[in-house]
């Protein structure tokens, strides 16, 4: 009986690495340098816990350009923040905003190959989810502009050799 228990316990311990992989949370906490590499210069759309949404880019120099629609209603506003606004330090990512009595710092959790969640350090409920986009591939929902001059398709060349 005791021998069987040892075999069962040994089997469980041997299988634990496989369980650990399956039970790992899908979000991975990124260190500041990893977060900068994952985020800087790329275009992301975002939605936040209180309904705000938009899209934009954080550049490697810490400047920000993008749009925001506060609480998901009202006009879409352009936002630009100067160089050095977002500061990556060895142990933190913080924002330096003029007129603010403190520097908010952020946690960055990569949720998949194209997405991350940014939250205020110490306030996990205050977060935004970001998804990488390619603005060049975004398809317009408006119809294409019609040329005022009709094209005679019979006169178009179909190859360079013609």
N, C-alpha and C. Protein backbone atom coordinates (compact mmCIF):
# COMPACT_ATOMS: atom_id res chain seq x y z
N UNK A 1 0.82 -1.19 0.00
CA UNK A 1 0.00 0.00 0.00
C UNK A 1 0.86 1.25 0.00
N UNK A 2 1.85 1.27 0.89
CA UNK A 2 2.72 2.43 0.99
C UNK A 2 3.50 2.60 -0.30
N UNK A 3 3.91 1.53 -0.94
CA UNK A 3 4.64 1.58 -2.22
C UNK A 3 3.80 2.21 -3.31
N UNK A 4 2.50 1.87 -3.35
CA UNK A 4 1.62 2.46 -4.35
C UNK A 4 1.49 3.97 -4.14
N UNK A 5 1.42 4.40 -2.88
CA UNK A 5 1.31 5.84 -2.58
C UNK A 5 2.55 6.58 -3.08
N UNK A 6 3.72 5.97 -2.88
CA UNK A 6 4.96 6.60 -3.35
C UNK A 6 4.93 6.72 -4.87
N UNK A 7 4.48 5.70 -5.57
CA UNK A 7 4.40 5.74 -7.03
C UNK A 7 3.43 6.83 -7.48
N UNK A 8 2.27 6.96 -6.82
CA UNK A 8 1.29 7.99 -7.18
C UNK A 8 1.88 9.37 -6.95
N UNK A 9 2.52 9.60 -5.80
CA UNK A 9 3.12 10.90 -5.50
C UNK A 9 4.23 11.21 -6.50
N UNK A 10 5.05 10.22 -6.83
CA UNK A 10 6.12 10.43 -7.81
C UNK A 10 5.54 10.79 -9.18
N UNK A 11 4.45 10.14 -9.55
CA UNK A 11 3.79 10.46 -10.83
C UNK A 11 3.24 11.88 -10.85
N UNK A 12 2.66 12.30 -9.72
CA UNK A 12 2.13 13.66 -9.63
C UNK A 12 3.26 14.67 -9.73
N UNK A 13 4.34 14.45 -8.99
CA UNK A 13 5.48 15.37 -9.02
C UNK A 13 6.09 15.41 -10.42
N UNK A 14 6.20 14.29 -11.08
CA UNK A 14 6.77 14.26 -12.44
C UNK A 14 5.88 15.02 -13.43
N UNK A 15 4.58 14.99 -13.20
CA UNK A 15 3.65 15.67 -14.12
C UNK A 15 3.50 17.15 -13.82
N UNK A 16 3.99 17.63 -12.68
CA UNK A 16 3.79 19.03 -12.29
C UNK A 16 4.30 20.04 -13.30
N UNK A 17 5.47 19.88 -13.92
CA UNK A 17 5.87 20.88 -14.90
C UNK A 17 4.84 21.04 -16.02
N UNK A 18 4.22 19.97 -16.45
CA UNK A 18 3.20 20.06 -17.49
C UNK A 18 1.98 20.80 -16.96
N UNK A 19 1.59 20.54 -15.70
CA UNK A 19 0.47 21.28 -15.12
C UNK A 19 0.79 22.75 -15.00
N UNK A 20 2.03 23.07 -14.59
CA UNK A 20 2.42 24.47 -14.41
C UNK A 20 2.28 25.24 -15.71
N UNK A 21 2.61 24.64 -16.84
CA UNK A 21 2.47 25.30 -18.12
C UNK A 21 1.00 25.57 -18.42
N UNK A 22 0.14 24.59 -18.15
CA UNK A 22 -1.29 24.75 -18.42
C UNK A 22 -1.95 25.74 -17.49
N UNK A 23 -1.50 25.86 -16.25
CA UNK A 23 -2.13 26.72 -15.28
C UNK A 23 -1.57 28.14 -15.27
N UNK A 24 -0.51 28.39 -16.06
CA UNK A 24 0.09 29.71 -16.12
C UNK A 24 -0.94 30.73 -16.60
N UNK A 25 -0.98 31.91 -16.00
CA UNK A 25 -1.90 32.92 -16.50
C UNK A 25 -1.50 33.35 -17.91
N UNK A 26 -2.48 33.78 -18.69
CA UNK A 26 -2.19 34.16 -20.06
C UNK A 26 -1.45 35.49 -20.14
N UNK A 27 -1.57 36.34 -19.15
CA UNK A 27 -0.86 37.62 -19.15
C UNK A 27 0.52 37.45 -18.53
N UNK A 28 1.51 38.04 -19.17
CA UNK A 28 2.89 37.97 -18.69
C UNK A 28 3.35 39.37 -18.33
N UNK A 29 3.78 39.57 -17.11
CA UNK A 29 4.29 40.86 -16.67
C UNK A 29 5.59 41.18 -17.41
N UNK A 30 5.65 42.34 -18.04
CA UNK A 30 6.85 42.75 -18.77
C UNK A 30 7.68 43.70 -17.91
N UNK A 31 8.99 43.48 -17.91
CA UNK A 31 9.89 44.43 -17.26
C UNK A 31 9.90 45.70 -18.11
N UNK A 32 10.29 46.84 -17.55
CA UNK A 32 10.24 48.10 -18.30
C UNK A 32 10.95 48.06 -19.65
N UNK A 33 12.13 47.48 -19.73
CA UNK A 33 12.86 47.43 -21.00
C UNK A 33 12.13 46.55 -22.01
N UNK A 34 11.55 45.43 -21.56
CA UNK A 34 10.77 44.56 -22.44
C UNK A 34 9.51 45.27 -22.93
N UNK A 35 8.87 46.01 -22.03
CA UNK A 35 7.66 46.75 -22.40
C UNK A 35 7.99 47.80 -23.46
N UNK A 36 9.09 48.50 -23.30
CA UNK A 36 9.48 49.51 -24.29
C UNK A 36 9.70 48.86 -25.65
N UNK A 37 10.37 47.74 -25.68
CA UNK A 37 10.63 47.02 -26.93
C UNK A 37 9.32 46.57 -27.58
N UNK A 38 8.37 46.14 -26.78
CA UNK A 38 7.08 45.64 -27.28
C UNK A 38 6.18 46.77 -27.76
N UNK A 39 6.27 47.94 -27.15
CA UNK A 39 5.31 49.02 -27.39
C UNK A 39 5.84 50.15 -28.27
N UNK A 40 7.06 50.60 -28.03
CA UNK A 40 7.56 51.84 -28.64
C UNK A 40 7.49 51.84 -30.16
N UNK A 41 6.92 52.91 -30.70
CA UNK A 41 6.86 53.11 -32.14
C UNK A 41 5.76 52.36 -32.85
N UNK A 42 5.00 51.56 -32.13
CA UNK A 42 3.92 50.78 -32.76
C UNK A 42 2.58 51.45 -32.49
N UNK A 43 1.63 51.22 -33.37
CA UNK A 43 0.32 51.85 -33.30
C UNK A 43 -0.66 50.90 -32.63
N UNK A 44 -1.34 51.37 -31.57
CA UNK A 44 -2.27 50.55 -30.81
C UNK A 44 -3.62 51.26 -30.70
N UNK A 45 -4.70 50.48 -30.74
CA UNK A 45 -6.00 51.00 -30.33
C UNK A 45 -6.19 50.56 -28.88
N UNK A 46 -7.05 51.25 -28.15
CA UNK A 46 -7.23 50.90 -26.76
C UNK A 46 -8.65 51.18 -26.28
N UNK A 47 -9.04 50.45 -25.25
CA UNK A 47 -10.27 50.70 -24.51
C UNK A 47 -9.94 50.60 -23.03
N UNK A 48 -10.53 51.48 -22.24
CA UNK A 48 -10.21 51.53 -20.82
C UNK A 48 -11.38 51.11 -19.96
N UNK A 49 -11.09 50.83 -18.70
CA UNK A 49 -12.08 50.28 -17.78
C UNK A 49 -13.31 51.16 -17.63
N UNK A 50 -13.20 52.48 -17.79
CA UNK A 50 -14.34 53.37 -17.59
C UNK A 50 -15.01 53.76 -18.90
N UNK A 51 -14.54 53.17 -20.04
CA UNK A 51 -15.19 53.39 -21.32
C UNK A 51 -14.43 54.25 -22.31
N UNK A 52 -13.39 54.94 -21.88
CA UNK A 52 -12.60 55.74 -22.81
C UNK A 52 -11.95 54.84 -23.85
N UNK A 53 -11.76 55.37 -25.06
CA UNK A 53 -11.14 54.58 -26.12
C UNK A 53 -10.39 55.51 -27.05
N UNK A 54 -9.58 54.92 -27.91
CA UNK A 54 -8.82 55.71 -28.87
C UNK A 54 -7.76 54.86 -29.52
N UNK A 55 -6.76 55.54 -30.08
CA UNK A 55 -5.65 54.87 -30.73
C UNK A 55 -4.46 55.81 -30.72
N UNK A 56 -3.27 55.24 -30.81
CA UNK A 56 -2.09 56.10 -30.83
C UNK A 56 -0.79 55.33 -30.75
N UNK A 57 0.26 56.12 -30.56
CA UNK A 57 1.61 55.57 -30.57
C UNK A 57 2.42 56.25 -29.47
N UNK A 58 3.20 55.44 -28.73
CA UNK A 58 4.19 55.95 -27.78
C UNK A 58 5.53 55.74 -28.46
N UNK A 59 6.25 56.83 -28.69
CA UNK A 59 7.54 56.75 -29.38
C UNK A 59 8.66 56.43 -28.40
N UNK A 60 9.79 55.98 -28.93
CA UNK A 60 10.93 55.57 -28.10
C UNK A 60 11.47 56.74 -27.27
N UNK A 61 11.25 57.98 -27.71
CA UNK A 61 11.71 59.15 -26.96
C UNK A 61 10.76 59.56 -25.85
N UNK A 62 9.67 58.80 -25.66
CA UNK A 62 8.71 59.09 -24.61
C UNK A 62 7.60 60.04 -25.00
N UNK A 63 7.58 60.48 -26.25
CA UNK A 63 6.49 61.32 -26.72
C UNK A 63 5.29 60.44 -27.08
N UNK A 64 4.11 61.06 -27.12
CA UNK A 64 2.88 60.32 -27.39
C UNK A 64 2.06 61.11 -28.41
N UNK A 65 1.46 60.41 -29.35
CA UNK A 65 0.50 61.02 -30.26
C UNK A 65 -0.64 60.03 -30.47
N UNK A 66 -1.86 60.56 -30.42
CA UNK A 66 -3.00 59.66 -30.60
C UNK A 66 -4.31 60.39 -30.44
N UNK A 67 -5.35 59.60 -30.26
CA UNK A 67 -6.69 60.13 -30.09
C UNK A 67 -7.31 59.53 -28.84
N UNK A 68 -8.30 60.24 -28.30
CA UNK A 68 -9.06 59.73 -27.17
C UNK A 68 -10.51 60.20 -27.29
N UNK A 69 -11.39 59.30 -26.93
CA UNK A 69 -12.80 59.63 -26.79
C UNK A 69 -13.13 59.31 -25.33
N UNK A 70 -13.26 60.36 -24.52
CA UNK A 70 -13.41 60.21 -23.08
C UNK A 70 -14.73 59.52 -22.75
N UNK A 71 -14.64 58.49 -21.96
CA UNK A 71 -15.78 57.67 -21.51
C UNK A 71 -16.62 57.13 -22.67
N UNK A 72 -16.02 57.04 -23.86
CA UNK A 72 -16.69 56.43 -25.00
C UNK A 72 -17.76 57.27 -25.66
N UNK A 73 -17.85 58.56 -25.29
CA UNK A 73 -18.85 59.42 -25.93
C UNK A 73 -18.23 60.80 -26.16
N UNK A 74 -18.90 61.59 -26.95
CA UNK A 74 -18.39 62.92 -27.24
C UNK A 74 -17.40 62.88 -28.39
N UNK A 75 -16.75 64.00 -28.62
CA UNK A 75 -15.85 64.10 -29.78
C UNK A 75 -14.56 63.32 -29.58
N UNK A 76 -14.01 62.84 -30.68
CA UNK A 76 -12.70 62.20 -30.68
C UNK A 76 -11.67 63.32 -30.67
N UNK A 77 -10.76 63.32 -29.70
CA UNK A 77 -9.81 64.42 -29.54
C UNK A 77 -8.39 63.96 -29.83
N UNK A 78 -7.62 64.81 -30.50
CA UNK A 78 -6.21 64.55 -30.76
C UNK A 78 -5.42 64.88 -29.50
N UNK A 79 -4.49 64.00 -29.14
CA UNK A 79 -3.64 64.20 -27.98
C UNK A 79 -2.19 64.07 -28.41
N UNK A 80 -1.38 65.06 -28.04
CA UNK A 80 0.07 64.96 -28.25
C UNK A 80 0.75 65.32 -26.94
N UNK A 81 1.74 64.54 -26.57
CA UNK A 81 2.52 64.79 -25.36
C UNK A 81 3.99 64.84 -25.76
N UNK A 82 4.77 65.74 -25.18
CA UNK A 82 6.15 65.96 -25.63
C UNK A 82 7.12 64.84 -25.27
N UNK A 83 8.29 64.92 -25.88
CA UNK A 83 9.40 64.01 -25.59
C UNK A 83 9.62 63.95 -24.08
N UNK A 84 9.86 62.75 -23.58
CA UNK A 84 10.14 62.57 -22.16
C UNK A 84 8.92 62.43 -21.27
N UNK A 85 7.74 62.43 -21.85
CA UNK A 85 6.53 62.28 -21.04
C UNK A 85 6.49 60.89 -20.41
N UNK A 86 6.73 59.86 -21.20
CA UNK A 86 6.80 58.48 -20.69
C UNK A 86 8.27 58.16 -20.45
N UNK A 87 8.59 57.80 -19.22
CA UNK A 87 9.99 57.55 -18.84
C UNK A 87 10.15 56.10 -18.41
N UNK A 88 11.06 55.42 -19.09
CA UNK A 88 11.36 54.03 -18.77
C UNK A 88 12.63 54.02 -17.93
N UNK A 89 12.50 53.52 -16.70
CA UNK A 89 13.63 53.38 -15.80
C UNK A 89 13.85 51.90 -15.56
N UNK A 90 14.98 51.52 -15.01
CA UNK A 90 15.25 50.08 -14.84
C UNK A 90 14.17 49.31 -14.11
N UNK A 91 13.47 49.97 -13.16
CA UNK A 91 12.48 49.24 -12.38
C UNK A 91 11.06 49.77 -12.53
N UNK A 92 10.82 50.74 -13.43
CA UNK A 92 9.47 51.28 -13.56
C UNK A 92 9.26 52.01 -14.88
N UNK A 93 7.98 52.20 -15.21
CA UNK A 93 7.57 53.02 -16.34
C UNK A 93 6.63 54.06 -15.74
N UNK A 94 7.01 55.33 -15.86
CA UNK A 94 6.21 56.39 -15.24
C UNK A 94 5.96 57.50 -16.25
N UNK A 95 4.96 58.33 -15.95
CA UNK A 95 4.63 59.47 -16.79
C UNK A 95 4.95 60.75 -16.03
N UNK A 96 5.51 61.70 -16.74
CA UNK A 96 5.79 63.00 -16.18
C UNK A 96 4.86 63.99 -16.86
N UNK A 97 3.81 64.41 -16.14
CA UNK A 97 2.81 65.30 -16.70
C UNK A 97 2.81 66.62 -15.95
N UNK A 98 2.98 67.71 -16.70
CA UNK A 98 3.01 69.04 -16.11
C UNK A 98 1.70 69.31 -15.37
N UNK A 99 1.82 69.86 -14.16
CA UNK A 99 0.64 70.20 -13.37
C UNK A 99 0.10 69.08 -12.51
N UNK A 100 0.67 67.89 -12.65
CA UNK A 100 0.21 66.77 -11.84
C UNK A 100 1.07 66.68 -10.58
N UNK A 101 0.47 66.53 -9.41
CA UNK A 101 1.25 66.52 -8.17
C UNK A 101 2.06 65.24 -7.93
N UNK A 102 1.85 64.23 -8.75
CA UNK A 102 2.61 62.98 -8.60
C UNK A 102 2.88 62.40 -9.99
N UNK A 103 3.82 61.45 -10.04
CA UNK A 103 4.13 60.76 -11.30
C UNK A 103 3.45 59.41 -11.30
N UNK A 104 2.42 59.21 -12.14
CA UNK A 104 1.81 57.88 -12.18
C UNK A 104 2.76 56.88 -12.84
N UNK A 105 2.82 55.70 -12.27
CA UNK A 105 3.64 54.62 -12.83
C UNK A 105 2.72 53.48 -13.27
N UNK A 106 3.23 52.63 -14.15
CA UNK A 106 2.37 51.65 -14.81
C UNK A 106 2.93 50.25 -14.75
N UNK A 107 2.02 49.28 -14.73
CA UNK A 107 2.33 47.85 -14.92
C UNK A 107 1.95 47.53 -16.35
N UNK A 108 2.75 46.74 -17.02
CA UNK A 108 2.45 46.31 -18.38
C UNK A 108 2.44 44.79 -18.40
N UNK A 109 1.29 44.23 -18.81
CA UNK A 109 1.14 42.77 -18.91
C UNK A 109 0.82 42.43 -20.36
N UNK A 110 1.70 41.67 -20.99
CA UNK A 110 1.45 41.22 -22.36
C UNK A 110 0.40 40.12 -22.31
N UNK A 111 -0.69 40.31 -23.07
CA UNK A 111 -1.78 39.34 -23.05
C UNK A 111 -1.74 38.38 -24.23
N UNK A 112 -1.14 38.80 -25.33
CA UNK A 112 -0.86 37.92 -26.47
C UNK A 112 0.18 38.60 -27.35
N UNK A 113 0.44 38.07 -28.53
CA UNK A 113 1.53 38.58 -29.38
C UNK A 113 1.29 40.00 -29.86
N UNK A 114 0.03 40.48 -29.83
CA UNK A 114 -0.30 41.81 -30.34
C UNK A 114 -0.95 42.72 -29.29
N UNK A 115 -1.10 42.26 -28.06
CA UNK A 115 -1.89 43.01 -27.09
C UNK A 115 -1.22 43.07 -25.73
N UNK A 116 -1.60 44.12 -24.97
CA UNK A 116 -1.15 44.23 -23.59
C UNK A 116 -2.17 45.00 -22.78
N UNK A 117 -2.06 44.85 -21.47
CA UNK A 117 -2.88 45.61 -20.54
C UNK A 117 -1.95 46.51 -19.75
N UNK A 118 -2.25 47.79 -19.74
CA UNK A 118 -1.50 48.76 -18.94
C UNK A 118 -2.38 49.20 -17.79
N UNK A 119 -1.85 49.13 -16.57
CA UNK A 119 -2.63 49.54 -15.40
C UNK A 119 -1.78 50.43 -14.50
N UNK A 120 -2.45 51.27 -13.73
CA UNK A 120 -1.74 52.10 -12.77
C UNK A 120 -1.20 51.22 -11.66
N UNK A 121 0.06 51.38 -11.34
CA UNK A 121 0.67 50.58 -10.27
C UNK A 121 -0.09 50.82 -8.98
N UNK A 122 -0.48 49.73 -8.33
CA UNK A 122 -1.22 49.82 -7.08
C UNK A 122 -2.72 49.97 -7.25
N UNK A 123 -3.18 50.18 -8.50
CA UNK A 123 -4.61 50.34 -8.78
C UNK A 123 -4.98 49.43 -9.96
N UNK A 124 -4.96 48.13 -9.75
CA UNK A 124 -5.21 47.16 -10.81
C UNK A 124 -6.54 47.35 -11.52
N UNK A 125 -7.52 47.97 -10.84
CA UNK A 125 -8.83 48.18 -11.47
C UNK A 125 -8.77 49.29 -12.53
N UNK A 126 -7.76 50.15 -12.48
CA UNK A 126 -7.63 51.25 -13.43
C UNK A 126 -6.69 50.82 -14.55
N UNK A 127 -7.25 50.32 -15.64
CA UNK A 127 -6.44 49.75 -16.71
C UNK A 127 -7.00 50.12 -18.08
N UNK A 128 -6.16 49.93 -19.10
CA UNK A 128 -6.58 50.01 -20.49
C UNK A 128 -6.03 48.79 -21.21
N UNK A 129 -6.82 48.24 -22.11
CA UNK A 129 -6.38 47.12 -22.95
C UNK A 129 -6.00 47.67 -24.31
N UNK A 130 -4.80 47.33 -24.77
CA UNK A 130 -4.25 47.83 -26.02
C UNK A 130 -4.09 46.69 -27.02
N UNK A 131 -4.43 46.93 -28.28
CA UNK A 131 -4.26 45.95 -29.35
C UNK A 131 -3.53 46.61 -30.50
N UNK A 132 -2.47 45.96 -30.94
CA UNK A 132 -1.67 46.52 -32.03
C UNK A 132 -2.47 46.53 -33.34
N UNK A 133 -2.37 47.63 -34.06
CA UNK A 133 -3.05 47.82 -35.34
C UNK A 133 -2.04 48.27 -36.37
N UNK A 134 -2.38 48.04 -37.63
CA UNK A 134 -1.59 48.59 -38.72
C UNK A 134 -2.49 49.59 -39.43
N UNK A 135 -2.27 50.90 -39.19
CA UNK A 135 -3.18 51.89 -39.76
C UNK A 135 -3.20 51.89 -41.29
N UNK A 136 -2.16 51.39 -41.91
CA UNK A 136 -2.12 51.33 -43.37
C UNK A 136 -3.09 50.29 -43.92
N UNK A 137 -3.43 49.31 -43.08
CA UNK A 137 -4.32 48.25 -43.54
C UNK A 137 -5.77 48.47 -43.11
N UNK A 138 -6.01 49.52 -42.31
CA UNK A 138 -7.38 49.79 -41.89
C UNK A 138 -8.20 50.14 -43.13
N UNK A 139 -9.34 49.51 -43.26
CA UNK A 139 -10.18 49.71 -44.43
C UNK A 139 -11.18 50.80 -44.13
N UNK A 140 -11.30 51.73 -45.05
CA UNK A 140 -12.25 52.83 -44.90
C UNK A 140 -13.67 52.30 -45.07
N UNK A 141 -14.58 52.86 -44.28
CA UNK A 141 -15.98 52.46 -44.40
C UNK A 141 -16.73 53.36 -45.39
N UNK A 142 -16.05 54.40 -45.90
CA UNK A 142 -16.70 55.27 -46.87
C UNK A 142 -16.51 54.71 -48.26
N UNK A 143 -17.40 55.06 -49.17
CA UNK A 143 -17.28 54.57 -50.53
C UNK A 143 -16.17 55.33 -51.25
N UNK A 144 -15.51 54.71 -52.22
CA UNK A 144 -14.43 55.37 -52.92
C UNK A 144 -14.94 56.57 -53.71
N UNK A 145 -14.07 57.55 -53.88
CA UNK A 145 -14.43 58.75 -54.62
C UNK A 145 -14.53 58.40 -56.10
N UNK A 146 -15.61 58.81 -56.71
CA UNK A 146 -15.80 58.56 -58.14
C UNK A 146 -15.13 59.67 -58.95
N UNK A 147 -14.42 59.30 -59.99
CA UNK A 147 -13.77 60.28 -60.85
C UNK A 147 -14.82 61.02 -61.65
N UNK A 148 -14.65 62.35 -61.82
CA UNK A 148 -15.62 63.10 -62.62
C UNK A 148 -15.50 62.78 -64.11
N UNK A 149 -14.39 62.15 -64.51
CA UNK A 149 -14.17 61.79 -65.91
C UNK A 149 -14.25 60.28 -66.06
N UNK A 150 -15.22 59.77 -66.79
CA UNK A 150 -15.31 58.31 -66.96
C UNK A 150 -14.10 57.78 -67.72
N UNK A 151 -13.69 56.57 -67.38
CA UNK A 151 -12.54 55.93 -68.01
C UNK A 151 -13.03 54.97 -69.08
N UNK A 152 -12.46 55.08 -70.29
CA UNK A 152 -12.77 54.16 -71.37
C UNK A 152 -11.86 52.95 -71.21
N UNK A 153 -12.38 51.89 -70.64
CA UNK A 153 -11.57 50.72 -70.33
C UNK A 153 -11.03 50.04 -71.58
N UNK A 154 -11.62 50.28 -72.74
CA UNK A 154 -11.12 49.70 -73.99
C UNK A 154 -9.80 50.28 -74.43
N UNK A 155 -9.46 51.48 -73.93
CA UNK A 155 -8.20 52.11 -74.34
C UNK A 155 -7.08 51.89 -73.32
N UNK A 156 -7.36 51.22 -72.21
CA UNK A 156 -6.32 50.96 -71.23
C UNK A 156 -5.39 49.86 -71.71
N UNK A 157 -4.08 50.06 -71.49
CA UNK A 157 -3.11 49.02 -71.83
C UNK A 157 -3.14 47.96 -70.75
N UNK A 158 -3.01 46.72 -71.14
CA UNK A 158 -3.01 45.63 -70.17
C UNK A 158 -1.61 45.11 -69.89
N UNK A 159 -0.61 45.52 -70.69
CA UNK A 159 0.77 45.12 -70.42
C UNK A 159 1.70 46.17 -70.98
N UNK A 160 2.96 46.08 -70.59
CA UNK A 160 3.97 47.04 -71.04
C UNK A 160 4.32 46.79 -72.51
N UNK A 161 4.16 45.57 -72.98
CA UNK A 161 4.56 45.22 -74.35
C UNK A 161 3.62 45.77 -75.40
N UNK A 162 2.46 46.25 -75.06
CA UNK A 162 1.50 46.71 -76.06
C UNK A 162 1.91 48.03 -76.66
